[in-house]
Protein backbone atom coordinates (compact mmCIF):
# COMPACT_ATOMS: atom_id res chain seq x y z
CA UNK A 1 0.12 0.45 -0.32
CA UNK A 2 3.12 2.73 0.95
CA UNK A 3 4.58 1.66 -2.14
CA UNK A 4 1.51 2.69 -4.52
CA UNK A 5 0.83 5.47 -2.33
CA UNK A 6 4.39 6.65 -3.00
CA UNK A 7 4.32 6.07 -6.78
CA UNK A 8 1.15 7.48 -6.81
CA UNK A 9 2.56 10.69 -5.55
CA UNK A 10 5.45 11.02 -7.33
CA UNK A 11 4.00 10.64 -10.67
CA UNK A 12 1.73 13.11 -10.20
CA UNK A 13 4.14 15.48 -8.55
CA UNK A 14 5.36 16.51 -11.98
CA UNK A 15 1.93 17.86 -12.99
CA UNK A 16 0.79 19.80 -10.46
CA UNK A 17 4.29 21.89 -10.39
CA UNK A 18 3.78 22.32 -14.19
CA UNK A 19 -0.11 23.44 -13.57
CA UNK A 20 -0.49 27.33 -14.18
CA UNK A 21 -3.95 28.56 -12.56
CA UNK A 22 -6.73 30.48 -13.70
CA UNK A 23 -6.56 34.69 -13.04
CA UNK A 24 -8.82 37.26 -14.37
CA UNK A 25 -8.00 38.78 -17.38
CA UNK A 26 -9.74 42.26 -17.41
CA UNK A 27 -8.40 45.00 -19.97
CA UNK A 28 -9.14 48.37 -19.58
CA UNK A 29 -12.58 49.68 -19.30
CA UNK A 30 -12.94 53.64 -20.98
CA UNK A 31 -15.82 55.33 -19.39
CA UNK A 32 -16.65 58.90 -19.38
CA UNK A 33 -15.26 59.06 -16.37
CA UNK A 34 -12.21 59.75 -17.86
CA UNK A 35 -13.17 62.50 -19.33
CA UNK A 36 -11.27 65.20 -16.75
CA UNK A 37 -13.16 68.48 -18.04
CA UNK A 38 -14.51 71.22 -16.47
CA UNK A 39 -12.93 73.83 -14.50
CA UNK A 40 -14.56 72.91 -10.48
CA UNK A 41 -12.17 71.94 -8.69
CA UNK A 42 -12.09 68.49 -6.83
CA UNK A 43 -11.84 70.30 -3.72
CA UNK A 44 -15.10 71.27 -4.32
CA UNK A 45 -16.82 67.83 -3.22
CA UNK A 46 -15.22 68.12 0.00
CA UNK A 47 -13.90 64.99 0.66
CA UNK A 48 -12.77 65.49 4.93
CA UNK A 49 -16.25 66.63 6.02
CA UNK A 50 -19.79 65.05 5.77
CA UNK A 51 -21.59 66.66 3.08
CA UNK A 52 -24.75 67.86 4.80
CA UNK A 53 -22.49 70.76 6.30
CA UNK A 54 -23.09 73.04 3.66
CA UNK A 55 -26.41 73.46 6.19
CA UNK A 56 -24.60 74.84 8.77
CA UNK A 57 -27.39 73.41 10.98
CA UNK A 58 -26.82 71.04 14.30
CA UNK A 59 -30.64 69.76 13.62
CA UNK A 60 -30.34 68.09 10.35
CA UNK A 61 -26.84 66.67 11.57
CA UNK A 62 -29.10 64.34 14.65
CA UNK A 63 -31.74 63.11 12.53
CA UNK A 64 -28.50 62.36 10.86
CA UNK A 65 -27.26 60.56 13.29
CA UNK A 66 -30.97 59.31 14.19
CA UNK A 67 -31.26 57.89 10.91
CA UNK A 68 -27.73 55.33 10.47
CA UNK A 69 -28.60 54.03 13.97
CA UNK A 70 -32.29 53.50 13.70
CA UNK A 71 -33.21 52.98 9.20
CA UNK A 72 -34.55 49.29 8.64
CA UNK A 73 -32.62 49.51 5.13
CA UNK A 74 -29.24 50.68 6.34
CA UNK A 75 -29.90 47.48 8.58
CA UNK A 76 -31.40 44.92 6.14
CA UNK A 77 -28.61 46.29 4.12
CA UNK A 78 -25.36 45.24 7.29
CA UNK A 79 -27.26 41.10 6.86
CA UNK A 80 -26.53 41.77 3.26
CA UNK A 81 -22.60 42.34 4.53
CA UNK A 82 -23.00 39.93 6.52
CA UNK A 83 -23.87 37.29 4.62
CA UNK A 84 -21.30 37.70 2.26
CA UNK A 85 -18.79 37.10 4.92
CA UNK A 86 -20.75 33.18 5.19
CA UNK A 87 -19.99 33.11 2.13
CA UNK A 88 -16.49 34.42 2.12
CA UNK A 89 -15.61 31.60 4.77
CA UNK A 90 -17.53 28.84 3.12
CA UNK A 91 -15.68 29.19 -0.04
CA UNK A 92 -12.61 29.83 1.38
CA UNK A 93 -12.77 26.64 3.32
CA UNK A 94 -12.11 24.61 -0.01
CA UNK A 95 -8.19 25.13 0.85
CA UNK A 96 -8.30 22.91 3.77
CA UNK A 97 -8.86 18.84 4.06
CA UNK A 98 -12.36 18.07 5.26
CA UNK A 99 -12.88 14.98 8.03
CA UNK A 100 -15.57 13.41 8.82
CA UNK A 101 -16.62 10.65 11.51
CA UNK A 102 -19.04 8.31 11.13
CA UNK A 103 -19.67 5.52 14.05
CA UNK A 104 -22.74 2.90 13.56
CA UNK A 105 -24.91 0.09 15.01
CA UNK A 106 -26.48 -2.55 12.81
CA UNK A 107 -28.52 -5.30 13.81
CA UNK A 108 -29.24 -8.92 11.74
CA UNK A 109 -31.78 -11.00 12.49
CA UNK A 110 -31.91 -14.04 10.77
CA UNK A 111 -34.51 -17.06 11.53
CA UNK A 112 -33.12 -20.87 9.74
CA UNK A 113 -35.40 -23.82 9.82
CA UNK A 114 -36.11 -25.89 12.94
CA UNK A 115 -33.78 -23.85 14.40
CA UNK A 116 -34.24 -20.44 16.69
CA UNK A 117 -33.67 -16.96 15.59
CA UNK A 118 -29.83 -15.54 15.50
CA UNK A 119 -29.71 -11.99 15.87
CA UNK A 120 -25.94 -10.63 15.28
CA UNK A 121 -24.71 -7.00 16.47
CA UNK A 122 -23.07 -4.78 14.51
CA UNK A 123 -20.31 -2.07 15.21
CA UNK A 124 -18.28 -0.18 12.51
CA UNK A 125 -16.45 3.23 13.35
CA UNK A 126 -14.43 4.99 10.38
CA UNK A 127 -12.68 8.44 9.63
CA UNK A 128 -12.49 9.29 6.34
CA UNK A 129 -10.65 12.59 4.99
CA UNK A 130 -10.45 13.94 1.46
CA UNK A 131 -8.61 17.05 0.20
CA UNK A 132 -8.83 18.71 -3.80
CA UNK A 133 -5.42 20.64 -4.32
CA UNK A 134 -6.12 23.92 -6.07
CA UNK A 135 -3.97 23.06 -9.33
CA UNK A 136 -5.62 25.39 -11.45
CA UNK A 137 -6.47 27.94 -8.95
CA UNK A 138 -10.81 27.37 -8.80
CA UNK A 139 -10.93 27.67 -5.18
CA UNK A 140 -8.86 30.95 -5.21
CA UNK A 141 -11.38 32.60 -7.77
CA UNK A 142 -13.77 31.13 -5.84
CA UNK A 143 -13.01 32.89 -2.71
CA UNK A 144 -11.83 36.28 -4.32
CA UNK A 145 -15.29 36.01 -6.00
CA UNK A 146 -17.00 35.58 -3.13
CA UNK A 147 -14.23 38.41 -0.92
CA UNK A 148 -15.09 41.08 -3.74
CA UNK A 149 -18.64 40.34 -2.73
CA UNK A 150 -18.35 41.76 0.50
CA UNK A 151 -17.00 44.76 -0.70
CA UNK A 152 -19.32 45.32 -3.18
CA UNK A 153 -22.13 45.69 -0.37
CA UNK A 154 -20.19 47.13 1.96
CA UNK A 155 -20.05 50.13 -0.60
CA UNK A 156 -24.01 49.22 -1.49
CA UNK A 157 -24.50 50.33 2.47
CA UNK A 158 -22.59 53.13 1.45
CA UNK A 159 -24.55 54.07 -1.33
CA UNK A 160 -28.00 53.67 1.12
CA UNK A 161 -26.38 55.56 3.35
CA UNK A 162 -25.86 58.68 0.88
CA UNK A 163 -30.15 57.87 -0.53
CA UNK A 164 -31.03 58.18 2.86
CA UNK A 165 -28.80 61.11 3.96
CA UNK A 166 -29.72 62.99 0.56
CA UNK A 167 -34.25 61.75 1.33
CA UNK A 168 -33.80 63.05 5.46
CA UNK A 169 -31.98 66.06 3.77
CA UNK A 170 -34.70 66.73 0.99
CA UNK A 171 -37.70 66.71 3.28
CA UNK A 172 -36.47 68.51 6.37
CA UNK A 173 -35.85 71.40 3.63
CA UNK A 174 -39.54 70.55 1.64
CA UNK A 175 -40.60 70.87 5.66
CA UNK A 176 -39.16 74.41 6.00
CA UNK A 177 -40.13 75.85 3.08
CA UNK A 178 -43.88 74.52 3.63
CA UNK A 179 -43.38 76.39 7.05
CA UNK A 180 -42.66 79.97 5.47
CA UNK A 181 -45.08 79.35 3.39
CA UNK A 182 -47.52 79.32 5.74
CA UNK A 183 -46.33 81.75 7.94
CA UNK A 184 -46.76 83.88 4.66
CA UNK A 185 -50.69 82.93 3.93
CA UNK A 186 -51.07 83.33 8.04
CA UNK A 187 -50.05 86.99 7.21
CA UNK A 188 -51.66 87.76 4.06
CA UNK A 189 -54.64 85.85 5.99
CA UNK A 190 -54.71 88.20 9.28
CA UNK A 191 -54.45 91.31 6.59
CA UNK A 192 -56.96 90.12 4.58
CA UNK A 193 -59.54 90.38 7.53
CA UNK A 194 -58.88 93.54 8.86
CA UNK A 195 -59.25 94.50 5.20
CA UNK A 196 -62.71 93.23 5.18
CA UNK A 197 -63.67 94.57 8.08
CA UNK A 198 -63.00 98.24 6.55
CA UNK A 199 -64.28 97.27 3.57
CA UNK A 200 -67.40 96.46 6.00
CA UNK A 201 -67.51 99.76 7.33
CA UNK A 202 -67.13 101.07 4.01
CA UNK A 203 -69.62 99.35 2.58
CA UNK A 204 -72.27 100.53 5.30
CA UNK A 205 -71.22 103.66 5.07
CA UNK A 206 -72.15 103.30 1.40
CA UNK A 207 -68.79 104.07 0.54
CA UNK A 208 -67.85 100.50 -1.25
CA UNK A 209 -70.21 98.19 -3.20
CA UNK A 210 -71.17 94.56 -2.59
CA UNK A 211 -68.81 92.69 -4.79
CA UNK A 212 -65.82 94.26 -3.08
CA UNK A 213 -67.22 91.95 0.22
CA UNK A 214 -67.43 88.71 -1.86
CA UNK A 215 -64.32 89.24 -3.33
CA UNK A 216 -62.46 89.67 -0.25
CA UNK A 217 -64.35 86.93 1.08
CA UNK A 218 -63.25 84.50 -2.09
CA UNK A 219 -59.65 85.56 -1.12
CA UNK A 220 -60.28 84.81 2.46
CA UNK A 221 -61.72 82.09 1.44
CA UNK A 222 -58.99 80.91 -1.20
CA UNK A 223 -55.87 81.59 1.64
CA UNK A 224 -57.44 79.49 4.25
CA UNK A 225 -57.42 76.91 1.49
CA UNK A 226 -53.67 77.19 1.23
CA UNK A 227 -53.26 77.03 5.60
CA UNK A 228 -55.33 74.44 5.47
CA UNK A 229 -53.04 71.95 2.39
CA UNK A 230 -50.16 73.59 3.89
CA UNK A 231 -50.52 72.40 7.43
CA UNK A 232 -51.61 68.73 5.59
CA UNK A 233 -48.29 68.79 3.77
CA UNK A 234 -46.14 69.55 6.85
CA UNK A 235 -47.36 66.35 8.55
CA UNK A 236 -47.22 64.28 5.88
CA UNK A 237 -43.44 65.84 4.98
CA UNK A 238 -42.92 65.12 8.78
CA UNK A 239 -44.34 60.97 8.20
CA UNK A 240 -42.07 60.66 6.06
CA UNK A 241 -38.86 62.18 8.30
CA UNK A 242 -39.63 59.76 10.87
CA UNK A 243 -39.97 56.36 8.93
CA UNK A 244 -36.69 57.40 7.08
CA UNK A 245 -34.68 58.18 10.99
CA UNK A 246 -36.76 54.79 11.57
CA UNK A 247 -38.85 55.67 14.01
CA UNK A 248 -43.39 55.58 14.30
CA UNK A 249 -44.81 57.82 11.60
CA UNK A 250 -47.46 59.53 14.40
CA UNK A 251 -44.07 60.32 16.78
CA UNK A 252 -43.22 64.73 17.13
CA UNK A 253 -40.77 65.77 15.01
CA UNK A 254 -39.14 69.20 16.15
CA UNK A 255 -37.92 71.43 13.02
CA UNK A 256 -37.49 74.55 14.89
CA UNK A 257 -35.32 75.96 11.49
CA UNK A 258 -37.65 79.12 10.15
CA UNK A 259 -35.31 80.55 7.70
CA UNK A 260 -34.29 78.09 4.72
CA UNK A 261 -31.23 77.33 4.73
CA UNK A 262 -28.18 79.20 3.27
CA UNK A 263 -25.68 78.48 0.83
CA UNK A 264 -22.74 79.04 -1.15
CA UNK A 265 -22.96 79.49 -5.09
CA UNK A 266 -21.35 76.44 -6.84
CA UNK A 267 -17.59 78.28 -8.90
CA UNK A 268 -18.88 79.16 -12.23
CA UNK A 269 -17.93 75.60 -15.24
CA UNK A 270 -18.07 72.27 -15.31
CA UNK A 271 -17.74 69.35 -12.33
CA UNK A 272 -14.62 66.93 -13.29
CA UNK A 273 -15.82 63.60 -14.53
CA UNK A 274 -13.46 62.07 -12.01
CA UNK A 275 -15.01 63.30 -9.00
CA UNK A 276 -17.84 60.92 -9.39
CA UNK A 277 -15.87 57.68 -8.91
CA UNK A 278 -15.78 58.39 -5.17
CA UNK A 279 -19.34 57.35 -5.84
CA UNK A 280 -20.56 54.22 -3.69
CA UNK A 281 -22.43 53.02 -6.43
CA UNK A 282 -19.98 53.12 -9.20
CA UNK A 283 -17.06 51.61 -6.95
CA UNK A 284 -19.47 48.51 -6.13
CA UNK A 285 -20.00 48.41 -10.08
CA UNK A 286 -16.65 47.78 -10.85
CA UNK A 287 -15.74 45.32 -8.16
CA UNK A 288 -18.67 43.37 -9.44
CA UNK A 289 -16.59 43.28 -13.18
CA UNK A 290 -13.65 42.09 -11.08
CA UNK A 291 -15.52 39.64 -9.31
CA UNK A 292 -17.22 37.68 -13.45
CA UNK A 293 -14.00 38.31 -14.36
CA UNK A 294 -12.37 35.38 -11.46
CA UNK A 295 -16.13 33.70 -11.91
CA UNK A 296 -14.81 32.96 -15.28
CA UNK A 297 -11.64 32.21 -13.94
CA UNK A 298 -13.13 29.46 -11.99
CA UNK A 299 -15.21 28.03 -14.95
CA UNK A 300 -12.15 27.16 -17.18
CA UNK A 301 -10.68 25.54 -14.19
CA UNK A 302 -13.91 23.78 -14.06
CA UNK A 303 -13.59 21.93 -17.21
CA UNK A 304 -9.54 20.86 -16.27
CA UNK A 305 -8.59 17.57 -14.50
CA UNK A 306 -8.32 17.94 -11.11
CA UNK A 307 -6.71 16.30 -8.03
CA UNK A 308 -8.56 14.62 -4.98
CA UNK A 309 -6.53 12.96 -1.69
CA UNK A 310 -8.26 10.66 0.35
CA UNK A 311 -7.46 8.63 3.43
CA UNK A 312 -9.91 6.79 5.26
CA UNK A 313 -9.93 4.37 8.51
CA UNK A 314 -12.64 1.96 9.11
CA UNK A 315 -12.97 -1.08 11.30
CA UNK A 316 -15.78 -2.90 12.21
CA UNK A 317 -16.77 -4.98 15.49
CA UNK A 318 -19.49 -7.17 17.11
CA UNK A 319 -18.48 -5.67 20.25
CA UNK A 320 -17.99 -2.00 20.66
CA UNK A 321 -15.20 -2.03 22.32
CA UNK A 322 -13.41 -4.06 19.94
CA UNK A 323 -13.32 -1.79 17.01
CA UNK A 324 -10.28 0.46 18.90
CA UNK A 325 -7.80 -2.55 18.53
CA UNK A 326 -7.65 -2.98 14.45
CA UNK A 327 -8.36 -0.14 12.14
CA UNK A 328 -8.23 -0.95 8.38
CA UNK A 329 -6.87 2.03 6.70
CA UNK A 330 -6.78 3.10 2.97
CA UNK A 331 -4.66 6.11 1.53
CA UNK A 332 -5.83 6.48 -2.09
CA UNK A 333 -4.73 9.99 -4.73
CA UNK A 334 -7.31 10.39 -7.92
CA UNK A 335 -7.20 12.81 -10.83
CA UNK A 336 -10.83 13.39 -12.47
CA UNK A 337 -10.95 15.02 -15.26
CA UNK A 338 -14.15 15.73 -17.62
CA UNK A 339 -14.66 14.01 -20.89
CA UNK A 340 -18.54 14.23 -21.66
CA UNK A 341 -20.21 16.59 -20.19
CA UNK A 342 -22.65 17.30 -23.00
CA UNK A 343 -20.91 20.88 -23.57
CA UNK A 344 -21.94 21.75 -20.21
CA UNK A 345 -18.64 22.92 -18.84
CA UNK A 346 -18.10 24.49 -22.04
CA UNK A 347 -21.48 26.15 -21.82
CA UNK A 348 -20.39 27.77 -17.97
CA UNK A 349 -17.48 29.27 -19.59
CA UNK A 350 -19.14 31.23 -22.09
CA UNK A 351 -21.93 32.06 -19.77
CA UNK A 352 -18.90 33.64 -17.33
CA UNK A 353 -17.47 35.25 -20.02
CA UNK A 354 -21.26 37.33 -21.16
CA UNK A 355 -21.44 37.67 -16.93
CA UNK A 356 -18.51 39.63 -17.50
CA UNK A 357 -19.00 41.59 -20.70
CA UNK A 358 -22.33 42.58 -19.32
CA UNK A 359 -20.78 43.53 -16.31
CA UNK A 360 -18.39 45.75 -18.34
CA UNK A 361 -21.52 47.71 -20.03
CA UNK A 362 -23.55 48.25 -16.72
CA UNK A 363 -20.52 49.73 -15.59
CA UNK A 364 -19.72 52.05 -18.80
CA UNK A 365 -23.75 52.93 -18.59
CA UNK A 366 -23.92 52.97 -14.34
CA UNK A 367 -20.84 56.00 -15.36
CA UNK A 368 -22.84 57.62 -17.76
CA UNK A 369 -25.30 57.71 -15.49
CA UNK A 370 -24.08 59.33 -12.88
CA UNK A 371 -22.74 62.16 -15.55
CA UNK A 372 -26.17 62.76 -16.85
CA UNK A 373 -26.78 62.58 -12.81
CA UNK A 374 -24.04 65.42 -11.85
CA UNK A 375 -24.59 67.92 -15.20
CA UNK A 376 -28.45 67.56 -14.59
CA UNK A 377 -28.04 68.41 -11.47
CA UNK A 378 -25.50 71.73 -11.85
CA UNK A 379 -28.25 72.83 -15.13
CA UNK A 380 -31.21 73.06 -12.73
CA UNK A 381 -29.27 75.23 -9.92
CA UNK A 382 -28.01 77.25 -12.76
CA UNK A 383 -32.24 77.62 -13.84
CA UNK A 384 -33.60 78.40 -10.12
CA UNK A 385 -31.15 80.66 -9.79
CA UNK A 386 -32.04 82.64 -12.94
CA UNK A 387 -35.47 82.51 -11.78
CA UNK A 388 -34.95 83.07 -8.06
CA UNK A 389 -33.90 86.69 -9.28
CA UNK A 390 -36.40 87.25 -12.01
CA UNK A 391 -39.07 86.42 -9.60
CA UNK A 392 -37.57 88.83 -6.54
CA UNK A 393 -37.27 91.69 -9.43
CA UNK A 394 -40.92 90.68 -10.02
CA UNK A 395 -41.86 90.60 -6.12
CA UNK A 396 -39.83 94.99 -5.90
CA UNK A 397 -42.13 95.12 -8.72
CA UNK A 398 -45.24 94.34 -7.63
CA UNK A 399 -44.08 95.94 -4.34
CA UNK A 400 -43.93 98.62 -5.79
CA UNK A 401 -47.50 98.90 -8.11
CA UNK A 402 -49.03 97.89 -4.90
CA UNK A 403 -48.12 100.92 -3.22
CA UNK A 404 -49.60 103.07 -6.37
CA UNK A 405 -52.42 101.22 -6.58
CA UNK A 406 -53.54 101.40 -2.86
CA UNK A 407 -52.73 105.35 -3.35
CA UNK A 408 -55.04 105.58 -6.34
CA UNK A 409 -57.64 103.36 -4.13
CA UNK A 410 -58.10 105.95 -1.29
CA UNK A 411 -57.55 108.29 -3.69
CA UNK A 412 -60.84 107.51 -5.20
CA UNK A 413 -59.20 106.80 -8.80
CA UNK A 414 -59.37 103.56 -9.19
CA UNK A 415 -61.73 100.39 -7.59
CA UNK A 416 -60.64 97.91 -4.76
CA UNK A 417 -59.99 95.57 -7.08
CA UNK A 418 -57.13 96.60 -8.99
CA UNK A 419 -55.70 97.04 -4.61
CA UNK A 420 -56.98 93.43 -4.50
CA UNK A 421 -55.40 91.80 -7.75
CA UNK A 422 -51.71 93.34 -6.21
CA UNK A 423 -52.22 91.29 -2.93
CA UNK A 424 -52.90 88.15 -4.56
CA UNK A 425 -50.13 88.65 -7.16
CA UNK A 426 -47.27 89.34 -4.25
CA UNK A 427 -48.44 86.56 -2.08
CA UNK A 428 -48.39 84.01 -5.56
CA UNK A 429 -45.12 85.21 -6.36
CA UNK A 430 -43.61 85.39 -2.19
CA UNK A 431 -44.93 81.11 -2.47
CA UNK A 432 -43.05 80.53 -5.82
CA UNK A 433 -40.10 82.08 -4.25
CA UNK A 434 -40.17 80.16 -2.38
CA UNK A 435 -40.46 77.26 -3.97
CA UNK A 436 -37.37 78.49 -5.98
CA UNK A 437 -35.22 78.25 -2.94
CA UNK A 438 -36.70 75.08 -2.05
CA UNK A 439 -35.80 73.85 -5.39
CA UNK A 440 -32.96 74.93 -5.61
CA UNK A 441 -31.37 73.33 -2.34
CA UNK A 442 -33.29 70.25 -3.25
CA UNK A 443 -30.87 70.60 -7.02
CA UNK A 444 -27.73 71.00 -4.78
CA UNK A 445 -27.89 67.79 -2.41
CA UNK A 446 -28.73 65.84 -6.08
CA UNK A 447 -25.47 66.77 -6.64
CA UNK A 448 -24.08 65.96 -3.79
CA UNK A 449 -25.48 62.60 -4.51
CA UNK A 450 -24.29 62.11 -7.79
CA UNK A 451 -20.62 63.61 -7.15
CA UNK A 452 -20.78 61.03 -4.08
CA UNK A 453 -20.37 62.92 -0.98
CA UNK A 454 -18.27 62.15 2.05
CA UNK A 455 -20.71 60.34 4.56
CA UNK A 456 -20.07 58.70 8.00
CA UNK A 457 -17.75 56.08 8.37
CA UNK A 458 -20.56 53.50 10.21
CA UNK A 459 -17.96 52.13 12.52
CA UNK A 460 -20.06 50.79 14.70
CA UNK A 461 -22.11 49.50 11.70
CA UNK A 462 -19.18 48.33 9.94
CA UNK A 463 -17.21 47.37 13.13
CA UNK A 464 -17.40 43.36 12.39
CA UNK A 465 -16.95 43.42 8.01
CA UNK A 466 -14.29 46.03 7.71
CA UNK A 467 -12.11 44.38 5.46
CA UNK A 468 -13.73 41.13 3.39
CA UNK A 469 -10.56 39.62 2.59
CA UNK A 470 -9.09 39.93 6.75
CA UNK A 471 -13.07 39.13 7.78
CA UNK A 472 -13.12 35.99 10.13
CA UNK A 473 -12.46 33.02 8.02
């Protein structure tokens, strides 16, 4: 037995050392991200501070901290990382031998003619060990692909946090904008009620028409409708903010900020596409390409012979104590080469190659989408800035027109409808201005999202999954 095993080893060793493990073949992938045109410096997206620090608001920071600790989507993403870690350990286990211990007990009852039945008891104990040599790098390819899945899920988690933070910021801005509009409506309601009282006195003094009273009542009713709608909108936004932060929708949300946040203007020019490489989703997309390349190596290795070494110790006896006295030993090695499989392995190689090309195309498309998102955010903000300036001019002109209309009305030159129209125009313009300022801020939020603005390291969440390749094996 020893001679046969030695002979087999001497014959197989030259084959093992002559083998070359398959390695992934990834050529350089050119994308729109390689275009570095644009005059905005990469430092505009500050990687040293959290992106929402642009608001200089402790309030929104509290919402962010609460969300990162409570949001269930973030926790679900964390457990996807844990699953990927376990899959990596499963793949990595192929580097080690496997051993199984078997202990069996059996009975055999045999009845012979004209004799009593004979019962025999049999014990068997066995230990089997097997090991597959990774001569083509199949096990390594599987482990490398699984390790990349950990990193992919880590970047997916960071991407989820980035999306969550932008959703929170937009909701917070919408709440502030609606609170400002609500105050505007309430001030206008009080003013119009005072005007109604004046008109009522003038009517009873035969100095105003009944139609003026009806028009004023209509204005008051419209403003009250706007107030009711705005209150409902604020309540819905607060419920959404609660859900984003992982608490009950009806819990109280203290949004005490009363003024629209101020943000610095964007420098003139375009945003360098290279800045977008910081996006977590793009990093995850590229790692999918690398993982698919390792899968190709696995599929190629599957087509070649595999070397498996097995060893076993077995013994059977009628008494349990006897099985430890003597053992039957078997040590063998086998070289298994696929011959006929109906083209299964070749098809798997072609499938994995096609999957690699799919991952490359997805990465290119993701890069293109990232550039589009950034450019759209820049265009939107510039558009809103122009609209804000024009609206502010309109308000300035409308306020001067209102002063003149009131002068003419109190002088008896014109009727009240002119004053009414000017007041309604100013209310609408102020509400529009608030909406435009809110939209401009949200377009800036979209820009930071598109550029992969900095988020917390989430050490508490990622403390067990900081490095896929050095995680628990």
